[in-house]
C-alpha atoms as a PDB file:
ATOM      1  CA  MET A   1      -0.044  16.197  40.455  1.00  0.00           C
ATOM      2  CA  SER A   2      -2.464  13.442  41.450  1.00  0.00           C
ATOM      3  CA  THR A   3      -2.874  10.123  39.687  1.00  0.00           C
ATOM      4  CA  LEU A   4      -6.192   8.291  39.573  1.00  0.00           C
ATOM      5  CA  ARG A   5      -6.121   4.657  38.450  1.00  0.00           C
ATOM      6  CA  VAL A   6      -9.315   2.748  37.762  1.00  0.00           C
ATOM      7  CA  MET A   7     -10.245  -0.393  35.841  1.00  0.00           C
ATOM      8  CA  LYS A   8     -13.600   0.869  34.584  1.00  0.00           C
ATOM      9  CA  ILE A   9     -15.429   4.189  34.505  1.00  0.00           C
ATOM     10  CA  THR A  10     -19.215   3.948  34.287  1.00  0.00           C
ATOM     11  CA  PRO A  11     -21.217   7.125  33.649  1.00  0.00           C
ATOM     12  CA  ARG A  12     -24.195   7.856  35.913  1.00  0.00           C
ATOM     13  CA  THR A  13     -26.576   8.486  33.021  1.00  0.00           C
ATOM     14  CA  GLY A  14     -26.479   8.099  29.282  1.00  0.00           C
ATOM     15  CA  GLN A  15     -23.656   6.398  27.464  1.00  0.00           C
ATOM     16  CA  GLN A  16     -20.960   9.064  27.576  1.00  0.00           C
ATOM     17  CA  ILE A  17     -18.707  10.429  30.262  1.00  0.00           C
ATOM     18  CA  GLN A  18     -19.054  14.200  30.577  1.00  0.00           C
ATOM     19  CA  LEU A  19     -15.982  16.287  31.459  1.00  0.00           C
ATOM     20  CA  ALA A  20     -16.396  19.621  33.192  1.00  0.00           C
ATOM     21  CA  SER A  21     -15.476  22.654  31.122  1.00  0.00           C
ATOM     22  CA  GLY A  22     -11.778  23.504  31.378  1.00  0.00           C
ATOM     23  CA  THR A  23     -10.719  19.923  32.226  1.00  0.00           C
ATOM     24  CA  ALA A  24      -9.051  17.373  29.994  1.00  0.00           C
ATOM     25  CA  LEU A  25      -8.689  13.619  29.860  1.00  0.00           C
ATOM     26  CA  GLY A  26      -5.286  12.485  28.619  1.00  0.00           C
ATOM     27  CA  LEU A  27      -4.526   9.034  27.288  1.00  0.00           C
ATOM     28  CA  SER A  28      -1.062   7.601  26.896  1.00  0.00           C
ATOM     29  CA  THR A  29       0.149   6.457  23.491  1.00  0.00           C
ATOM     30  CA  SER A  30      -0.317   2.869  24.670  1.00  0.00           C
ATOM     31  CA  ALA A  31      -3.950   3.349  25.743  1.00  0.00           C
ATOM     32  CA  PHE A  32      -5.249   1.430  22.738  1.00  0.00           C
ATOM     33  CA  GLY A  33      -2.029  -0.325  21.774  1.00  0.00           C
ATOM     34  CA  GLY A  34      -2.601  -3.125  24.263  1.00  0.00           C
ATOM     35  CA  ILE A  35      -5.653  -4.437  22.420  1.00  0.00           C
ATOM     36  CA  LYS A  36      -4.549  -6.815  19.660  1.00  0.00           C
ATOM     37  CA  GLY A  37      -6.132  -6.211  16.289  1.00  0.00           C
ATOM     38  CA  THR A  38      -6.950  -2.562  16.951  1.00  0.00           C
ATOM     39  CA  PRO A  39      -6.618  -0.281  13.918  1.00  0.00           C
ATOM     40  CA  VAL A  40      -4.311   2.555  14.912  1.00  0.00           C
ATOM     41  CA  GLN A  41      -4.031   4.704  11.796  1.00  0.00           C
ATOM     42  CA  MET A  42      -4.500   4.641   8.042  1.00  0.00           C
ATOM     43  CA  THR A  43      -2.840   6.613   5.270  1.00  0.00           C
ATOM     44  CA  TYR A  44      -3.970   6.780   1.674  1.00  0.00           C
ATOM     45  CA  ASN A  45      -2.857   8.198  -1.607  1.00  0.00           C
ATOM     46  CA  ARG A  46      -4.196   8.430  -5.130  1.00  0.00           C
ATOM     47  CA  THR A  47      -2.538   9.100  -8.448  1.00  0.00           C
ATOM     48  CA  ASP A  48      -4.199   9.982 -11.736  1.00  0.00           C
ATOM     49  CA  THR A  49      -0.838  10.388 -13.474  1.00  0.00           C
ATOM     50  CA  ARG A  50      -0.722   8.776 -16.910  1.00  0.00           C
ATOM     51  CA  THR A  51       2.740   7.540 -17.725  1.00  0.00           C
ATOM     52  CA  SER A  52       4.765   4.540 -18.858  1.00  0.00           C
ATOM     53  CA  ILE A  53       7.498   2.753 -16.921  1.00  0.00           C
ATOM     54  CA  ASN A  54      10.034   0.448 -18.522  1.00  0.00           C
ATOM     55  CA  ALA A  55       9.919  -3.135 -17.225  1.00  0.00           C
ATOM     56  CA  PRO A  56      13.479  -4.427 -17.749  1.00  0.00           C
ATOM     57  CA  ASN A  57      14.440  -8.080 -18.082  1.00  0.00           C
ATOM     58  CA  ASP A  58      17.295  -7.858 -15.583  1.00  0.00           C
ATOM     59  CA  GLY A  59      15.579  -6.399 -12.518  1.00  0.00           C
ATOM     60  CA  GLN A  60      12.726  -3.997 -11.970  1.00  0.00           C
ATOM     61  CA  ASN A  61      11.907  -0.308 -12.057  1.00  0.00           C
ATOM     62  CA  GLU A  62      10.027   1.377  -9.256  1.00  0.00           C
ATOM     63  CA  ILE A  63       6.670   2.976 -10.017  1.00  0.00           C
ATOM     64  CA  THR A  64       7.205   6.011  -7.793  1.00  0.00           C
ATOM     65  CA  GLN A  65       3.627   7.216  -8.304  1.00  0.00           C
ATOM     66  CA  THR A  66       2.403   4.194  -6.276  1.00  0.00           C
ATOM     67  CA  ALA A  67       4.314   5.163  -3.108  1.00  0.00           C
ATOM     68  CA  ILE A  68       2.536   5.153   0.247  1.00  0.00           C
ATOM     69  CA  ALA A  69       4.248   6.079   3.537  1.00  0.00           C
ATOM     70  CA  ILE A  70       3.316   5.290   7.128  1.00  0.00           C
ATOM     71  CA  THR A  71       5.067   5.854  10.462  1.00  0.00           C
ATOM     72  CA  PRO A  72       4.024   3.140  12.939  1.00  0.00           C
ATOM     73  CA  LYS A  73       3.104   4.216  16.459  1.00  0.00           C
ATOM     74  CA  PHE A  74       3.969   0.807  17.972  1.00  0.00           C
ATOM     75  CA  ASP A  75       6.833  -1.654  17.559  1.00  0.00           C
ATOM     76  CA  GLY A  76       5.905  -4.794  15.630  1.00  0.00           C
ATOM     77  CA  SER A  77       2.545  -3.531  14.394  1.00  0.00           C
ATOM     78  CA  LEU A  78       0.986  -5.188  11.373  1.00  0.00           C
ATOM     79  CA  ILE A  79       1.015  -2.862   8.357  1.00  0.00           C
ATOM     80  CA  VAL A  80      -1.708  -3.810   5.863  1.00  0.00           C
ATOM     81  CA  LEU A  81      -0.900  -2.516   2.376  1.00  0.00           C
ATOM     82  CA  LYS A  82      -3.367  -2.344  -0.499  1.00  0.00           C
ATOM     83  CA  TRP A  83      -3.077  -1.100  -4.044  1.00  0.00           C
ATOM     84  CA  MET A  84      -5.758  -0.885  -6.723  1.00  0.00           C
ATOM     85  CA  VAL A  85      -3.691  -0.311  -9.851  1.00  0.00           C
ATOM     86  CA  SER A  86      -5.081   0.710 -13.239  1.00  0.00           C
ATOM     87  CA  GLY A  87      -3.087   0.272 -16.413  1.00  0.00           C
ATOM     88  CA  GLU A  88      -1.982  -1.965 -19.222  1.00  0.00           C
ATOM     89  CA  VAL A  89       0.960  -4.307 -19.531  1.00  0.00           C
ATOM     90  CA  HIS A  90       2.260  -7.262 -21.525  1.00  0.00           C
ATOM     91  CA  GLN A  91       1.435 -10.617 -19.906  1.00  0.00           C
ATOM     92  CA  ASP A  92       5.150 -11.327 -19.313  1.00  0.00           C
ATOM     93  CA  VAL A  93       5.559  -8.423 -16.887  1.00  0.00           C
ATOM     94  CA  GLY A  94       5.170  -8.810 -13.143  1.00  0.00           C
ATOM     95  CA  PHE A  95       4.786  -6.562 -10.108  1.00  0.00           C
ATOM     96  CA  ARG A  96       7.142  -6.574  -7.162  1.00  0.00           C
ATOM     97  CA  ILE A  97       7.031  -4.453  -3.994  1.00  0.00           C
ATOM     98  CA  TYR A  98       9.649  -2.013  -2.727  1.00  0.00           C
ATOM     99  CA  LYS A  99      10.122  -0.965   0.891  1.00  0.00           C
ATOM    100  CA  ASN A 100      12.203   2.163   1.472  1.00  0.00           C
ATOM    101  CA  GLY A 101      13.631   2.061  -2.066  1.00  0.00           C
ATOM    102  CA  THR A 102      14.754  -1.583  -2.160  1.00  0.00           C
ATOM    103  CA  LEU A 103      13.140  -4.795  -3.361  1.00  0.00           C
ATOM    104  CA  TRP A 104      11.046  -6.186  -0.509  1.00  0.00           C
ATOM    105  CA  LYS A 105       8.385  -8.581  -1.803  1.00  0.00           C
ATOM    106  CA  SER A 106       8.537 -11.031  -4.635  1.00  0.00           C
ATOM    107  CA  THR A 107       7.978 -14.763  -4.634  1.00  0.00           C
ATOM    108  CA  THR A 108       9.998 -16.689  -2.082  1.00  0.00           C
ATOM    109  CA  GLN A 109      10.523 -19.543  -4.543  1.00  0.00           C
ATOM    110  CA  THR A 110      13.137 -17.952  -6.781  1.00  0.00           C
ATOM    111  CA  ASN A 111      15.164 -14.793  -7.242  1.00  0.00           C
ATOM    112  CA  GLN A 112      15.212 -15.244 -11.013  1.00  0.00           C
ATOM    113  CA  ARG A 113      13.505 -12.764 -13.357  1.00  0.00           C
ATOM    114  CA  TRP A 114      10.330 -14.873 -13.497  1.00  0.00           C
ATOM    115  CA  GLY A 115       9.789 -14.484  -9.744  1.00  0.00           C
ATOM    116  CA  VAL A 116       7.100 -11.847  -9.117  1.00  0.00           C
ATOM    117  CA  TYR A 117       4.575 -10.924  -6.432  1.00  0.00           C
ATOM    118  CA  VAL A 118       1.678 -10.429  -8.897  1.00  0.00           C
ATOM    119  CA  ASN A 119       1.762 -11.140 -12.616  1.00  0.00           C
ATOM    120  CA  GLY A 120       0.310  -9.232 -15.572  1.00  0.00           C
ATOM    121  CA  TYR A 121      -2.895 -10.456 -17.240  1.00  0.00           C
ATOM    122  CA  TYR A 122      -3.087 -12.306 -20.526  1.00  0.00           C
ATOM    123  CA  ASP A 123      -5.840 -10.272 -22.149  1.00  0.00           C
ATOM    124  CA  ARG A 124      -4.880 -10.413 -25.852  1.00  0.00           C
ATOM    125  CA  ASN A 125      -5.542  -6.671 -26.245  1.00  0.00           C
ATOM    126  CA  GLN A 126      -2.454  -4.621 -25.561  1.00  0.00           C
ATOM    127  CA  SER A 127      -3.677  -1.446 -27.151  1.00  0.00           C
ATOM    128  CA  SER A 128      -7.009  -0.152 -25.895  1.00  0.00           C
ATOM    129  CA  THR A 129      -8.157  -2.097 -22.826  1.00  0.00           C
ATOM    130  CA  MET A 130      -6.849  -1.365 -19.327  1.00  0.00           C
ATOM    131  CA  SER A 131      -6.829  -3.831 -16.452  1.00  0.00           C
ATOM    132  CA  ASN A 132      -7.010  -3.457 -12.684  1.00  0.00           C
ATOM    133  CA  TRP A 133      -4.806  -5.262 -10.192  1.00  0.00           C
ATOM    134  CA  TYR A 134      -5.716  -5.578  -6.518  1.00  0.00           C
ATOM    135  CA  ILE A 135      -2.497  -6.136  -4.587  1.00  0.00           C
ATOM    136  CA  ASN A 136      -2.310  -6.830  -0.839  1.00  0.00           C
ATOM    137  CA  ALA A 137       0.805  -7.195   1.293  1.00  0.00           C
ATOM    138  CA  PHE A 138       1.577  -7.323   5.004  1.00  0.00           C
ATOM    139  CA  ASP A 139       4.594  -6.072   6.949  1.00  0.00           C
ATOM    140  CA  THR A 140       5.353  -7.013  10.562  1.00  0.00           C
ATOM    141  CA  GLU A 141       8.949  -5.812  10.655  1.00  0.00           C
ATOM    142  CA  THR A 142       8.101  -2.353  11.930  1.00  0.00           C
ATOM    143  CA  GLU A 143       9.523   0.015  14.507  1.00  0.00           C
ATOM    144  CA  ALA A 144       7.618   2.775  16.280  1.00  0.00           C
ATOM    145  CA  GLY A 145       8.462   6.234  14.954  1.00  0.00           C
ATOM    146  CA  VAL A 146      10.317   4.986  11.864  1.00  0.00           C
ATOM    147  CA  GLU A 147       8.651   5.895   8.574  1.00  0.00           C
ATOM    148  CA  ASN A 148       8.395   3.208   5.897  1.00  0.00           C
ATOM    149  CA  THR A 149       7.569   3.917   2.269  1.00  0.00           C
ATOM    150  CA  TYR A 150       6.165   1.149   0.093  1.00  0.00           C
ATOM    151  CA  SER A 151       5.752   1.213  -3.688  1.00  0.00           C
ATOM    152  CA  LEU A 152       5.301  -1.118  -6.631  1.00  0.00           C
ATOM    153  CA  ALA A 153       7.897  -2.004  -9.249  1.00  0.00           C
ATOM    154  CA  VAL A 154       7.671  -3.771 -12.612  1.00  0.00           C
ATOM    155  CA  GLY A 155      10.013  -6.170 -14.335  1.00  0.00           C
ATOM    156  CA  THR A 156       9.821  -8.528 -17.295  1.00  0.00           C
ATOM    157  CA  THR A 157       9.648 -12.276 -16.673  1.00  0.00           C
ATOM    158  CA  ASN A 158      11.422 -13.247 -19.906  1.00  0.00           C
ATOM    159  CA  THR A 159      14.402 -11.946 -21.903  1.00  0.00           C
ATOM    160  CA  SER A 160      12.444  -9.118 -23.555  1.00  0.00           C
ATOM    161  CA  SER A 161      11.736  -5.636 -22.248  1.00  0.00           C
ATOM    162  CA  TYR A 162       8.245  -4.099 -22.151  1.00  0.00           C
ATOM    163  CA  ASN A 163       6.533  -1.020 -20.738  1.00  0.00           C
ATOM    164  CA  PHE A 164       3.882  -0.767 -18.053  1.00  0.00           C
ATOM    165  CA  TYR A 165       1.284   1.935 -18.768  1.00  0.00           C
ATOM    166  CA  LEU A 166      -0.004   3.463 -15.526  1.00  0.00           C
ATOM    167  CA  ASN A 167      -3.610   4.741 -15.537  1.00  0.00           C
ATOM    168  CA  ARG A 168      -3.799   4.526 -19.320  1.00  0.00           C
ATOM    169  CA  THR A 169      -3.836   2.117 -22.227  1.00  0.00           C
ATOM    170  CA  GLN A 170      -0.825   1.265 -24.329  1.00  0.00           C
ATOM    171  CA  GLY A 171      -2.339   2.747 -27.475  1.00  0.00           C
ATOM    172  CA  SER A 172      -3.236   6.205 -26.147  1.00  0.00           C
ATOM    173  CA  GLY A 173      -3.055   8.500 -23.162  1.00  0.00           C
ATOM    174  CA  GLY A 174      -6.787   9.129 -23.537  1.00  0.00           C
ATOM    175  CA  GLN A 175      -9.375   9.245 -26.313  1.00  0.00           C
ATOM    176  CA  ASN A 176     -12.547   7.412 -27.313  1.00  0.00           C
ATOM    177  CA  SER A 177     -12.224   3.686 -26.478  1.00  0.00           C
ATOM    178  CA  TYR A 178      -8.793   4.225 -24.835  1.00  0.00           C
ATOM    179  CA  GLU A 179      -9.630   4.555 -21.149  1.00  0.00           C
ATOM    180  CA  ASN A 180      -7.814   6.397 -18.375  1.00  0.00           C
ATOM    181  CA  GLY A 181      -7.936   5.309 -14.754  1.00  0.00           C
ATOM    182  CA  ALA A 182      -6.771   6.024 -11.221  1.00  0.00           C
ATOM    183  CA  THR A 183      -4.511   4.137  -8.845  1.00  0.00           C
ATOM    184  CA  ILE A 184      -5.269   4.038  -5.109  1.00  0.00           C
ATOM    185  CA  MET A 185      -2.875   3.075  -2.300  1.00  0.00           C
ATOM    186  CA  THR A 186      -3.568   2.542   1.433  1.00  0.00           C
ATOM    187  CA  ALA A 187      -1.463   1.581   4.445  1.00  0.00           C
ATOM    188  CA  MET A 188      -3.099   0.676   7.759  1.00  0.00           C
ATOM    189  CA  GLU A 189      -1.390   0.028  11.090  1.00  0.00           C
ATOM    190  CA  ILE A 190      -2.978  -2.643  13.297  1.00  0.00           C
ATOM    191  CA  THR A 191      -1.662  -3.658  16.730  1.00  0.00           C
ATOM    192  CA  ARG A 192      -0.514  -7.262  17.188  1.00  0.00           C
END
């Protein structure tokens, strides 16, 4: 087998390199990995499930419907996580982030119940009006070939216990003036 190494290939005409029929051009898995900031892959998920999840006052419960998985192709890649969450919740409930089934992201200022990554809204209507939360997080502790699953969790920030209503209002799972929604999750790998 022969090996051809070049720094730059310039086509004779046009803007594309033409390969003869029956030939192939192979690129190694690191062909694009050496360029910092290059998007490598993106996964996405969507849930329309309407449900409620208890938000306890002594921890948090995972919202399994918000899970998104990605298997990095390169060690140390930046994983950009985004959620657009629809639902309704009491203002004393907060979101936290799980990685592979364990608590991963909350505030770094405290490990008490009032420490959250994103808090609920104070909207004074906990019956018929949903809200949307746009949640972003970043992970750099990644290993090539090892799948990571990220999801949201909810917990109460006081001594009470409330429910989080995913893709629905508190008052109804769907009827006039009681909206339903969708929740979208994405995970993108970017080389660093």
